[in-house]
N, C-alpha and C. Protein backbone atom coordinates (compact mmCIF):
# COMPACT_ATOMS: atom_id res chain seq x y z
N MET A 1 23.17 0.22 -8.56
CA MET A 1 23.66 1.75 -8.56
C MET A 1 24.65 1.75 -8.82
N PRO A 2 25.30 2.70 -10.09
CA PRO A 2 26.58 3.17 -9.78
C PRO A 2 27.07 3.72 -8.48
N TYR A 3 28.27 3.65 -8.24
CA TYR A 3 28.88 4.27 -7.31
C TYR A 3 29.41 5.45 -7.48
N LYS A 4 29.45 6.61 -7.30
CA LYS A 4 30.34 7.71 -7.32
C LYS A 4 30.30 8.63 -5.96
N PRO A 5 31.52 8.61 -5.69
CA PRO A 5 31.66 9.04 -4.03
C PRO A 5 31.48 10.55 -4.48
N ASP A 6 31.69 11.28 -5.28
CA ASP A 6 31.69 12.22 -5.19
C ASP A 6 30.05 12.70 -4.86
N LEU A 7 29.31 11.72 -5.35
CA LEU A 7 27.89 12.20 -5.04
C LEU A 7 27.32 12.20 -3.72
N PHE A 8 28.10 11.76 -2.19
CA PHE A 8 27.63 11.66 -1.17
C PHE A 8 27.80 12.97 -0.82
N PRO A 9 28.43 13.86 -1.04
CA PRO A 9 27.95 15.80 -0.70
C PRO A 9 27.11 16.21 -0.98
N GLN A 10 26.37 15.64 -2.26
CA GLN A 10 25.22 16.58 -3.06
C GLN A 10 24.17 15.61 -2.43
N ILE A 11 23.96 14.52 -2.46
CA ILE A 11 22.74 13.97 -1.47
C ILE A 11 23.08 13.87 -0.24
N ILE A 12 24.00 14.38 0.61
CA ILE A 12 23.53 14.68 2.11
C ILE A 12 23.19 15.78 1.97
N GLN A 13 23.56 16.91 1.04
CA GLN A 13 23.23 18.51 1.35
C GLN A 13 21.92 18.18 0.49
N SER A 14 21.33 17.37 -0.58
CA SER A 14 20.00 17.32 -1.19
C SER A 14 18.81 17.22 -0.23
N ILE A 15 19.37 15.78 0.99
CA ILE A 15 18.30 15.73 2.17
C ILE A 15 18.27 16.67 3.52
N SER A 16 19.15 17.20 3.21
CA SER A 16 19.10 18.45 4.50
C SER A 16 18.79 19.39 3.79
N THR A 17 18.22 19.76 2.26
CA THR A 17 17.58 20.75 1.72
C THR A 17 15.60 20.17 1.91
N VAL A 18 15.35 18.98 1.71
CA VAL A 18 14.27 18.48 1.72
C VAL A 18 13.72 18.34 2.87
N ILE A 19 14.53 18.17 4.23
CA ILE A 19 13.96 17.94 5.20
C ILE A 19 13.82 19.51 5.97
N GLU A 20 14.41 20.14 5.98
CA GLU A 20 14.72 21.52 5.96
C GLU A 20 13.38 22.32 5.04
N GLY A 21 12.89 21.97 3.96
CA GLY A 21 11.78 22.32 3.42
C GLY A 21 10.54 21.93 4.08
N ASN A 22 10.81 20.96 4.78
CA ASN A 22 9.53 20.15 5.10
C ASN A 22 9.32 20.08 6.43
N ALA A 23 10.23 20.92 7.01
CA ALA A 23 10.18 20.64 8.63
C ALA A 23 8.91 21.03 9.54
N GLU A 24 8.27 22.12 9.22
CA GLU A 24 7.14 22.43 9.97
C GLU A 24 6.16 21.72 9.60
N GLN A 25 5.54 21.09 8.76
CA GLN A 25 4.98 19.73 8.44
C GLN A 25 5.36 18.79 9.09
N VAL A 26 6.36 18.09 8.72
CA VAL A 26 6.90 17.11 9.25
C VAL A 26 6.61 17.28 11.57
N THR A 27 7.28 18.25 11.99
CA THR A 27 7.05 18.73 13.69
C THR A 27 5.72 18.98 13.73
N ALA A 28 5.00 19.07 12.80
CA ALA A 28 3.09 19.12 13.31
C ALA A 28 3.02 17.69 13.52
N LEU A 29 3.03 16.68 12.14
CA LEU A 29 2.62 15.23 12.63
C LEU A 29 3.41 14.68 14.01
N ASP A 30 4.63 14.89 14.14
CA ASP A 30 5.34 14.65 14.93
C ASP A 30 4.69 14.86 16.79
N GLN A 31 4.21 16.12 16.91
CA GLN A 31 3.69 16.48 17.84
C GLN A 31 2.58 16.48 18.04
N ALA A 32 2.13 15.78 17.20
CA ALA A 32 0.26 15.19 17.25
C ALA A 32 0.57 14.16 17.76
N ILE A 33 1.37 13.10 17.35
CA ILE A 33 1.59 11.64 18.30
C ILE A 33 3.19 11.42 18.57
N GLY A 34 4.16 12.32 18.71
CA GLY A 34 4.95 11.84 19.39
C GLY A 34 5.62 12.95 20.00
N ASP A 35 6.78 13.13 19.95
CA ASP A 35 7.70 13.81 21.17
C ASP A 35 8.08 15.18 20.52
N GLY A 36 7.98 15.49 19.29
CA GLY A 36 7.61 16.42 18.47
C GLY A 36 9.17 17.46 18.02
N ASP A 37 10.20 16.44 18.81
CA ASP A 37 11.84 16.64 18.29
C ASP A 37 12.12 16.26 17.12
N HIS A 38 12.02 15.22 15.89
CA HIS A 38 12.29 13.91 15.17
C HIS A 38 12.78 15.44 14.39
N VAL A 39 12.56 16.57 13.74
CA VAL A 39 13.22 17.12 12.22
C VAL A 39 14.41 17.87 13.11
N THR A 40 14.49 18.21 14.66
CA THR A 40 15.81 18.96 14.95
C THR A 40 16.65 17.93 15.17
N ASN A 41 16.00 16.81 15.69
CA ASN A 41 17.14 15.48 15.94
C ASN A 41 18.23 15.65 14.42
N LEU A 42 17.04 15.24 13.71
CA LEU A 42 17.97 14.59 12.13
C LEU A 42 18.31 15.77 11.95
N GLN A 43 18.27 17.20 11.78
CA GLN A 43 18.91 18.34 11.51
C GLN A 43 20.64 17.81 12.00
N ARG A 44 20.31 17.91 13.54
CA ARG A 44 21.59 18.07 14.23
C ARG A 44 22.90 17.08 13.29
N GLY A 45 22.36 15.74 12.90
CA GLY A 45 22.91 15.27 12.33
C GLY A 45 23.50 15.61 10.91
N LEU A 46 22.49 15.78 10.35
CA LEU A 46 22.78 16.43 8.86
C LEU A 46 23.48 17.27 8.55
N GLN A 47 23.57 18.53 9.71
CA GLN A 47 24.39 19.66 9.77
C GLN A 47 26.09 18.86 10.04
N ALA A 48 25.78 17.69 10.55
CA ALA A 48 27.39 17.33 11.20
C ALA A 48 27.75 16.42 10.19
N LEU A 49 26.97 15.85 8.97
CA LEU A 49 27.29 15.08 7.83
C LEU A 49 27.68 16.30 6.84
N VAL A 50 26.79 17.38 6.35
CA VAL A 50 27.35 18.55 5.65
C VAL A 50 28.75 18.96 5.74
N GLU A 51 29.58 19.07 7.02
CA GLU A 51 30.68 19.50 7.45
C GLU A 51 31.53 18.25 7.16
N GLN A 52 31.11 17.54 7.27
CA GLN A 52 32.13 16.54 6.69
C GLN A 52 31.94 15.83 4.95
N GLY A 53 31.32 16.29 4.56
CA GLY A 53 30.94 16.44 2.69
C GLY A 53 32.68 16.03 2.49
N ASP A 54 33.27 16.98 2.58
CA ASP A 54 34.43 16.53 1.57
C ASP A 54 35.62 15.20 2.13
N GLU A 55 35.44 15.47 3.10
CA GLU A 55 36.11 14.27 3.72
C GLU A 55 35.57 12.63 3.30
N ILE A 56 34.09 12.42 3.17
CA ILE A 56 33.04 11.42 3.00
C ILE A 56 33.49 11.32 1.31
N SER A 57 33.48 12.26 0.67
CA SER A 57 33.77 12.30 -0.84
C SER A 57 34.63 11.32 -1.50
N GLN A 58 35.57 11.62 -0.61
CA GLN A 58 37.39 10.59 -0.38
C GLN A 58 37.26 9.02 -0.30
N LEU A 59 35.95 8.64 0.33
CA LEU A 59 36.10 6.93 1.01
C LEU A 59 35.54 6.36 -0.28
N ASN A 60 35.73 5.05 -0.04
CA ASN A 60 35.16 4.14 -0.99
C ASN A 60 33.63 3.73 -0.23
N TRP A 61 32.66 3.07 -1.10
CA TRP A 61 31.42 3.23 -0.57
C TRP A 61 31.08 2.37 0.63
N PRO A 62 31.59 1.24 0.98
CA PRO A 62 31.35 0.99 2.26
C PRO A 62 32.24 1.79 3.46
N ASP A 63 33.27 2.20 3.33
CA ASP A 63 33.86 3.09 4.82
C ASP A 63 32.62 4.40 4.60
N ALA A 64 32.22 4.90 3.15
CA ALA A 64 31.62 6.12 3.42
C ALA A 64 30.13 5.80 4.20
N PHE A 65 29.75 4.52 3.55
CA PHE A 65 28.46 4.48 4.33
C PHE A 65 29.01 4.28 5.94
N ARG A 66 30.14 3.94 6.26
CA ARG A 66 30.36 3.49 7.90
C ARG A 66 30.09 4.69 8.65
N LYS A 67 31.00 5.66 8.01
CA LYS A 67 31.11 6.82 8.56
C LYS A 67 30.09 7.84 8.60
N ILE A 68 29.09 7.46 7.60
CA ILE A 68 28.12 8.09 7.61
C ILE A 68 27.31 7.67 8.85
N GLY A 69 26.95 6.30 9.16
CA GLY A 69 26.59 5.84 9.87
C GLY A 69 26.91 6.07 11.49
N MET A 70 28.21 6.46 11.55
CA MET A 70 28.50 6.33 12.55
C MET A 70 28.14 7.66 13.15
N THR A 71 28.32 8.67 12.24
CA THR A 71 28.01 10.02 13.08
C THR A 71 26.77 9.97 12.93
N VAL A 72 26.23 9.69 12.59
CA VAL A 72 24.10 9.73 12.83
C VAL A 72 23.98 9.31 14.10
N MET A 73 24.84 8.47 13.98
CA MET A 73 24.35 7.23 15.86
C MET A 73 24.68 8.08 16.35
N SER A 74 25.88 9.17 16.27
CA SER A 74 26.52 9.86 16.98
C SER A 74 25.27 10.93 17.71
N THR A 75 25.07 11.42 16.60
CA THR A 75 24.29 13.26 16.49
C THR A 75 23.01 12.95 16.24
N VAL A 76 22.51 11.98 15.95
CA VAL A 76 20.97 12.39 15.67
C VAL A 76 20.82 11.85 16.99
N GLY A 77 19.79 12.86 17.72
CA GLY A 77 18.85 12.06 19.13
C GLY A 77 17.51 11.36 18.62
N GLY A 78 17.01 10.56 19.86
CA GLY A 78 16.24 9.70 19.82
C GLY A 78 16.44 8.43 19.18
N ALA A 79 15.01 7.52 18.83
CA ALA A 79 15.19 6.26 18.27
C ALA A 79 15.77 6.49 16.56
N SER A 80 15.52 7.69 15.98
CA SER A 80 16.21 7.55 14.86
C SER A 80 17.43 7.74 14.74
N GLY A 81 18.34 8.50 15.30
CA GLY A 81 19.75 8.02 15.38
C GLY A 81 20.36 6.37 15.36
N SER A 82 19.72 5.75 16.16
CA SER A 82 20.24 3.92 16.28
C SER A 82 19.74 3.83 15.19
N LEU A 83 18.75 3.82 14.77
CA LEU A 83 17.63 3.14 13.69
C LEU A 83 18.90 3.67 12.14
N TYR A 84 18.48 4.65 12.07
CA TYR A 84 19.57 4.75 10.62
C TYR A 84 20.56 4.59 10.69
N GLY A 85 21.75 4.91 12.25
CA GLY A 85 22.84 4.54 11.76
C GLY A 85 22.91 2.78 11.72
N THR A 86 22.14 2.60 12.44
CA THR A 86 22.01 0.87 12.08
C THR A 86 22.23 0.71 11.14
N LEU A 87 20.81 1.01 10.12
CA LEU A 87 21.01 0.64 8.16
C LEU A 87 22.36 1.00 7.59
N LEU A 88 22.63 2.34 8.16
CA LEU A 88 23.72 2.56 7.26
C LEU A 88 25.11 1.40 7.28
N ILE A 89 25.45 1.40 9.05
CA ILE A 89 26.68 0.50 9.06
C ILE A 89 26.45 -1.10 8.34
N ALA A 90 24.95 -1.35 8.85
CA ALA A 90 24.73 -2.65 7.96
C ALA A 90 25.19 -2.65 6.44
N LEU A 91 24.93 -1.72 5.99
CA LEU A 91 24.88 -1.46 4.62
C LEU A 91 26.11 -1.59 4.41
N SER A 92 26.89 -0.88 4.77
CA SER A 92 28.74 -0.95 4.61
C SER A 92 29.09 -1.92 4.61
N LYS A 93 28.69 -2.69 5.65
CA LYS A 93 29.37 -4.36 5.77
C LYS A 93 28.77 -5.45 4.89
N ALA A 94 27.65 -4.99 3.81
CA ALA A 94 27.02 -5.99 2.93
C ALA A 94 27.78 -5.43 1.54
N ILE A 95 27.92 -4.22 1.58
CA ILE A 95 27.65 -3.75 0.16
C ILE A 95 28.96 -4.18 -0.74
N ASP A 96 29.79 -4.71 -0.34
CA ASP A 96 31.35 -5.15 -1.10
C ASP A 96 30.51 -6.27 -1.60
N GLN A 97 29.65 -7.20 -0.82
CA GLN A 97 29.70 -8.65 -1.20
C GLN A 97 28.15 -8.70 -2.21
N ASN A 98 27.15 -7.92 -2.59
CA ASN A 98 25.90 -7.88 -2.85
C ASN A 98 25.85 -7.17 -3.60
N ASN A 99 24.87 -6.93 -4.21
CA ASN A 99 24.32 -5.35 -5.38
C ASN A 99 23.71 -4.96 -4.34
N PHE A 100 23.46 -3.34 -4.85
CA PHE A 100 22.99 -2.27 -3.74
C PHE A 100 21.40 -2.97 -3.06
N ALA A 101 20.40 -3.72 -3.94
CA ALA A 101 19.27 -3.99 -3.52
C ALA A 101 19.79 -5.16 -2.42
N ASP A 102 20.38 -6.05 -2.54
CA ASP A 102 20.48 -7.24 -0.81
C ASP A 102 21.06 -6.82 -0.34
N ALA A 103 22.06 -5.61 -0.35
CA ALA A 103 22.54 -5.13 0.66
C ALA A 103 21.68 -4.15 1.67
N PHE A 104 20.68 -3.31 0.88
CA PHE A 104 19.89 -2.32 1.26
C PHE A 104 18.81 -3.17 2.12
N ALA A 105 18.18 -4.75 1.58
CA ALA A 105 17.67 -5.57 2.65
C ALA A 105 18.40 -5.73 3.83
N GLN A 106 19.41 -6.30 3.72
CA GLN A 106 20.20 -6.46 4.71
C GLN A 106 19.91 -5.22 5.92
N GLY A 107 20.23 -4.16 5.29
CA GLY A 107 20.31 -3.24 6.17
C GLY A 107 18.78 -2.82 7.13
N VAL A 108 18.00 -3.05 5.96
CA VAL A 108 16.54 -2.80 6.59
C VAL A 108 16.44 -4.08 7.71
N GLU A 109 16.59 -5.07 7.40
CA GLU A 109 16.80 -5.93 8.58
C GLU A 109 17.29 -6.30 9.64
N ALA A 110 18.26 -4.85 9.10
CA ALA A 110 19.16 -5.00 10.79
C ALA A 110 18.08 -3.94 11.58
N VAL A 111 17.27 -2.94 11.07
CA VAL A 111 16.61 -2.14 11.69
C VAL A 111 15.47 -3.06 12.58
N GLN A 112 14.87 -3.65 11.98
CA GLN A 112 13.79 -4.34 12.33
C GLN A 112 14.19 -5.35 13.38
N GLN A 113 15.57 -5.67 13.32
CA GLN A 113 15.88 -6.41 14.67
C GLN A 113 16.25 -5.43 15.50
N ARG A 114 17.05 -4.11 15.12
CA ARG A 114 17.41 -3.41 16.43
C ARG A 114 15.84 -2.45 16.94
N GLY A 115 14.98 -2.20 15.99
CA GLY A 115 13.55 -1.58 16.63
C GLY A 115 12.64 -2.71 17.29
N LYS A 116 12.95 -3.91 16.82
CA LYS A 116 12.04 -5.25 17.34
C LYS A 116 10.34 -4.52 16.85
N ALA A 117 10.43 -4.14 15.28
CA ALA A 117 9.37 -3.97 14.92
C ALA A 117 9.42 -4.53 12.98
N GLY A 118 8.31 -4.33 12.84
CA GLY A 118 8.15 -4.87 11.43
C GLY A 118 7.17 -3.83 10.60
N ARG A 119 6.44 -4.28 9.48
CA ARG A 119 5.91 -3.45 8.57
C ARG A 119 4.65 -3.76 9.45
N GLY A 120 3.56 -2.35 9.11
CA GLY A 120 2.27 -2.41 10.07
C GLY A 120 2.36 -2.18 10.95
N GLU A 121 3.27 -1.33 11.92
CA GLU A 121 3.39 -0.74 12.88
C GLU A 121 3.88 0.68 13.31
N LYS A 122 3.39 1.28 12.09
CA LYS A 122 3.66 3.15 11.98
C LYS A 122 4.48 3.64 12.47
N THR A 123 5.77 3.19 11.34
CA THR A 123 6.77 3.98 11.77
C THR A 123 8.00 3.66 10.58
N MET A 124 9.08 4.16 10.61
CA MET A 124 10.05 4.50 9.39
C MET A 124 10.29 2.81 8.30
N LEU A 125 9.44 1.63 8.89
CA LEU A 125 9.82 0.47 8.08
C LEU A 125 8.40 0.32 7.29
N ASP A 126 7.74 1.05 7.61
CA ASP A 126 6.52 1.06 6.68
C ASP A 126 6.60 1.56 5.23
N VAL A 127 7.75 2.41 5.08
CA VAL A 127 8.50 2.72 4.28
C VAL A 127 9.80 2.13 3.90
N LEU A 128 10.60 1.73 4.39
CA LEU A 128 11.82 0.96 4.34
C LEU A 128 11.71 -0.19 3.95
N ILE A 129 10.44 -1.04 4.68
CA ILE A 129 10.75 -2.37 3.92
C ILE A 129 10.00 -2.85 2.59
N PRO A 130 8.76 -1.76 2.15
CA PRO A 130 8.26 -2.03 0.70
C PRO A 130 9.33 -1.45 0.04
N VAL A 131 10.33 -0.39 0.34
CA VAL A 131 11.09 0.09 -0.75
C VAL A 131 11.99 -1.08 -0.83
N SER A 132 12.96 -2.01 -0.31
CA SER A 132 13.42 -2.59 0.09
C SER A 132 13.29 -4.19 -1.03
N ASP A 133 11.53 -4.15 -1.09
CA ASP A 133 11.12 -5.82 -1.15
C ASP A 133 11.05 -4.78 -3.16
N TYR A 134 10.57 -3.82 -3.43
CA TYR A 134 10.69 -3.36 -4.59
C TYR A 134 12.17 -3.11 -5.53
N LEU A 135 12.93 -2.94 -4.55
CA LEU A 135 14.79 -2.95 -5.46
C LEU A 135 14.75 -3.98 -5.66
N GLN A 136 14.91 -5.10 -4.63
CA GLN A 136 14.99 -6.34 -4.70
C GLN A 136 14.26 -6.65 -6.32
N GLN A 137 12.94 -6.64 -6.22
CA GLN A 137 12.32 -7.42 -7.66
C GLN A 137 12.94 -6.88 -8.68
N ALA A 138 12.58 -5.48 -8.50
CA ALA A 138 13.16 -4.46 -9.94
C ALA A 138 14.52 -4.81 -10.23
N THR A 139 15.25 -4.85 -9.42
CA THR A 139 16.89 -5.31 -9.69
C THR A 139 16.84 -6.67 -10.73
N ALA A 140 15.78 -7.70 -10.06
CA ALA A 140 16.35 -9.23 -10.35
C ALA A 140 15.39 -9.33 -11.68
N GLN A 141 14.36 -8.43 -12.13
CA GLN A 141 13.92 -8.32 -12.78
C GLN A 141 14.55 -7.62 -14.37
N GLY A 142 15.57 -6.97 -13.70
CA GLY A 142 16.42 -5.97 -15.08
C GLY A 142 15.75 -4.89 -15.03
N VAL A 143 14.93 -4.13 -14.42
CA VAL A 143 14.21 -2.90 -14.67
C VAL A 143 15.19 -1.41 -14.71
N ASN A 144 15.37 -0.71 -16.09
CA ASN A 144 15.99 0.13 -16.06
C ASN A 144 16.18 1.07 -14.89
N MET A 145 17.21 1.99 -15.05
CA MET A 145 17.36 2.82 -13.99
C MET A 145 15.97 4.01 -13.78
N PRO A 146 15.61 4.81 -14.61
CA PRO A 146 15.25 5.45 -14.70
C PRO A 146 13.41 4.80 -14.27
N GLU A 147 13.09 3.81 -14.89
CA GLU A 147 11.70 2.80 -14.17
C GLU A 147 12.15 2.66 -12.96
N LEU A 148 13.41 2.28 -12.58
CA LEU A 148 13.38 1.61 -10.96
C LEU A 148 13.03 2.90 -9.88
N LEU A 149 13.65 3.92 -10.48
CA LEU A 149 13.62 5.49 -9.35
C LEU A 149 12.49 5.75 -9.30
N ASP A 150 11.84 5.89 -10.33
CA ASP A 150 10.17 6.55 -10.34
C ASP A 150 9.44 5.22 -9.67
N GLY A 151 9.94 4.18 -9.54
CA GLY A 151 8.84 3.20 -8.80
C GLY A 151 9.12 3.13 -6.92
N VAL A 152 10.23 3.22 -7.37
CA VAL A 152 11.23 3.28 -5.95
C VAL A 152 10.74 4.59 -4.89
N LYS A 153 10.27 5.87 -5.82
CA LYS A 153 9.85 7.08 -5.16
C LYS A 153 7.96 6.65 -4.85
N GLN A 154 7.15 6.20 -5.66
CA GLN A 154 5.75 5.76 -5.56
C GLN A 154 6.04 5.02 -4.25
N VAL A 155 6.50 3.83 -4.21
CA VAL A 155 6.46 2.99 -3.08
C VAL A 155 6.84 3.85 -2.05
N ALA A 156 7.71 4.41 -1.82
CA ALA A 156 8.03 5.47 -0.66
C ALA A 156 6.89 6.18 -0.09
N ILE A 157 6.41 6.90 -1.43
CA ILE A 157 5.09 7.76 -1.04
C ILE A 157 3.98 6.97 -0.46
N ASN A 158 3.49 5.68 -1.13
CA ASN A 158 2.34 4.76 -0.82
C ASN A 158 2.96 4.72 0.65
N GLY A 159 4.10 3.71 1.12
CA GLY A 159 4.25 3.23 2.01
C GLY A 159 4.28 4.42 3.54
N MET A 160 4.35 5.46 2.94
CA MET A 160 4.21 6.73 3.91
C MET A 160 2.81 6.73 4.13
N GLU A 161 2.09 6.75 3.30
CA GLU A 161 0.55 7.54 3.24
C GLU A 161 -0.05 6.42 4.00
N SER A 162 0.37 4.65 3.84
CA SER A 162 -0.07 3.76 4.81
C SER A 162 -0.81 4.26 5.97
N THR A 163 0.70 4.54 6.60
CA THR A 163 0.80 4.95 8.15
C THR A 163 -0.19 5.50 8.29
N ARG A 164 -1.28 6.35 7.94
CA ARG A 164 -2.37 7.35 8.50
C ARG A 164 -3.02 6.34 8.64
N ASP A 165 -3.53 5.19 8.47
CA ASP A 165 -4.27 4.71 8.87
C ASP A 165 -3.90 3.60 9.93
N MET A 166 -2.69 3.50 10.25
CA MET A 166 -2.47 2.46 10.92
C MET A 166 -2.21 2.91 13.08
N THR A 167 -2.69 1.73 13.57
CA THR A 167 -2.57 2.03 15.07
C THR A 167 -0.89 1.87 15.69
N ALA A 168 -0.60 2.87 16.04
CA ALA A 168 1.11 2.89 16.64
C ALA A 168 1.52 1.77 17.45
N THR A 169 2.57 1.08 17.53
CA THR A 169 2.56 -0.24 18.31
C THR A 169 3.87 0.11 18.87
N LYS A 170 4.92 1.15 18.37
CA LYS A 170 6.06 1.62 19.00
C LYS A 170 6.05 3.03 19.35
N GLY A 171 7.61 3.16 20.12
CA GLY A 171 7.39 4.37 20.79
C GLY A 171 6.34 5.49 21.51
N ARG A 172 6.82 6.74 21.53
CA ARG A 172 5.33 7.37 22.57
C ARG A 172 4.13 7.39 21.87
N ALA A 173 3.80 6.94 20.42
CA ALA A 173 2.24 7.32 19.56
C ALA A 173 1.51 5.92 20.33
N SER A 174 2.50 5.34 20.34
CA SER A 174 1.77 3.46 20.95
C SER A 174 0.90 4.17 22.31
N TYR A 175 1.16 4.83 23.18
CA TYR A 175 0.52 4.97 24.16
C TYR A 175 -0.94 5.97 23.77
N LEU A 176 -0.70 6.22 22.30
CA LEU A 176 -2.15 6.64 21.85
C LEU A 176 -3.16 5.94 21.44
N GLY A 177 -2.96 4.72 21.50
CA GLY A 177 -3.40 3.68 21.26
C GLY A 177 -4.74 4.13 19.62
N GLU A 178 -5.76 3.70 19.65
CA GLU A 178 -6.75 4.39 18.42
C GLU A 178 -6.60 5.51 17.89
N ARG A 179 -5.99 6.12 19.59
CA ARG A 179 -6.24 7.53 18.73
C ARG A 179 -4.82 7.92 17.75
N SER A 180 -4.18 6.96 17.60
CA SER A 180 -3.07 7.55 16.69
C SER A 180 -3.32 7.22 15.07
N LYS A 181 -4.58 7.31 15.03
CA LYS A 181 -5.34 6.71 13.63
C LYS A 181 -5.00 8.31 13.10
N GLY A 182 -5.44 8.11 11.83
CA GLY A 182 -5.63 9.37 10.97
C GLY A 182 -4.48 10.21 10.94
N HIS A 183 -2.94 9.95 11.37
CA HIS A 183 -2.19 10.68 11.57
C HIS A 183 -0.75 10.18 10.85
N ILE A 184 -0.19 10.64 9.86
CA ILE A 184 0.78 9.69 9.32
C ILE A 184 1.88 10.18 10.04
N ASP A 185 2.52 8.86 10.21
CA ASP A 185 4.02 8.67 10.59
C ASP A 185 5.14 9.81 10.64
N ALA A 186 5.71 10.59 11.41
CA ALA A 186 6.70 11.68 11.20
C ALA A 186 8.22 11.22 10.49
N GLY A 187 8.30 9.90 11.05
CA GLY A 187 9.55 8.91 10.60
C GLY A 187 9.17 8.33 9.29
N ALA A 188 8.65 8.07 9.09
CA ALA A 188 7.84 7.51 7.65
C ALA A 188 7.90 8.12 6.93
N LYS A 189 7.28 9.67 7.49
CA LYS A 189 7.38 10.97 6.11
C LYS A 189 8.90 11.56 6.04
N THR A 190 9.28 11.28 7.03
CA THR A 190 11.50 11.71 6.70
C THR A 190 11.56 10.68 5.87
N SER A 191 11.50 9.41 6.19
CA SER A 191 12.08 8.56 5.22
C SER A 191 11.54 8.91 3.87
N GLN A 192 10.11 8.64 3.22
CA GLN A 192 10.02 8.79 2.37
C GLN A 192 10.66 9.94 1.57
N LEU A 193 10.51 11.61 2.28
CA LEU A 193 11.33 12.55 1.71
C LEU A 193 13.18 12.13 1.51
N MET A 194 13.50 11.54 2.23
CA MET A 194 15.16 11.29 1.93
C MET A 194 15.16 9.90 0.71
N ILE A 195 14.26 9.59 0.89
CA ILE A 195 14.30 8.47 -0.40
C ILE A 195 13.72 9.01 -1.97
N CYS A 196 12.80 9.80 -1.73
CA CYS A 196 12.70 10.29 -3.14
C CYS A 196 13.69 11.32 -3.31
N ALA A 197 14.27 12.13 -2.39
CA ALA A 197 15.60 12.92 -2.37
C ALA A 197 16.63 12.44 -3.14
N ILE A 198 16.90 11.11 -2.37
CA ILE A 198 18.13 10.69 -3.01
C ILE A 198 18.29 10.19 -4.53
N ALA A 199 16.74 9.77 -5.03
CA ALA A 199 16.38 8.66 -5.90
C ALA A 199 16.65 9.63 -7.19
N ASP A 200 16.15 11.03 -6.72
CA ASP A 200 15.87 12.30 -7.56
C ASP A 200 17.49 12.77 -7.94
N ILE A 201 18.37 12.54 -7.38
CA ILE A 201 19.67 13.08 -7.38
C ILE A 201 19.93 12.04 -8.86
N PHE A 202 19.66 10.51 -8.12
CA PHE A 202 20.28 9.31 -9.19
C PHE A 202 19.92 9.56 -10.55
N ASP A 203 18.40 9.90 -10.70
CA ASP A 203 18.01 10.32 -11.91
C ASP A 203 18.13 10.80 -12.68
N ASN A 204 18.51 12.32 -11.92
CA ASN A 204 19.34 13.84 -12.61
C ASN A 204 20.86 12.78 -12.99
N GLN A 205 21.43 12.36 -12.52
CA GLN A 205 22.71 11.67 -12.89
C GLN A 205 22.58 10.78 -14.06
N SER A 206 21.10 10.17 -14.21
CA SER A 206 21.26 9.28 -15.42
C SER A 206 20.59 9.89 -16.67
N ALA A 207 19.97 11.08 -16.61
CA ALA A 207 19.63 11.45 -17.40
C ALA A 207 20.34 12.12 -18.55
N PRO A 208 19.70 12.02 -20.06
CA PRO A 208 20.36 11.96 -20.86
C PRO A 208 21.19 13.46 -20.84
N PRO A 209 21.97 14.40 -20.84
CA PRO A 209 22.10 15.56 -21.22
C PRO A 209 20.85 16.52 -22.34
N ALA A 210 20.74 17.72 -22.20
CA ALA A 210 19.89 17.78 -22.82
C ALA A 210 20.49 18.52 -23.66
């Protein structure tokens, strides 16, 4: 994936816009089986990142990911801040020595260790793990960028949808047991929204001029 530091502010703004546009839906999901503050927590962190956009755009890839991760960890409340911060900081450490797919995989592994969770437990990892697996497979196969980005979006959507029929084993939703079934996990939904927004940015960058 090509590195363009000036894309960071655009990516952050795109994520902020998509979270705002889906805030009501995600809050309803979170209120059904969670604390109901997931979107508010994310928006606090995204606002801080929007304000830092110019500074972030001047950094190299590792430093940018590290700054974003530290900001997320300090401004986003709840488990999301810790987990996304962990993902981004691990990514910042791995990106110099690895392609993006392998670096992202190391970031997702760090999230699993931090959250003591894995796939199938009705969390954001039900999106992050399959996306990571797909990225590694597609990169190894030399899939072209437009096809890879389309695949990433579809895998993210499938992962998000898969949480509907899962029983939650982590967080407040786990207290509901079987009653947590039938609801999409809010963290999985926002992970999907953010991944799809990022993929759209890179898709637009790789598209030929009209």
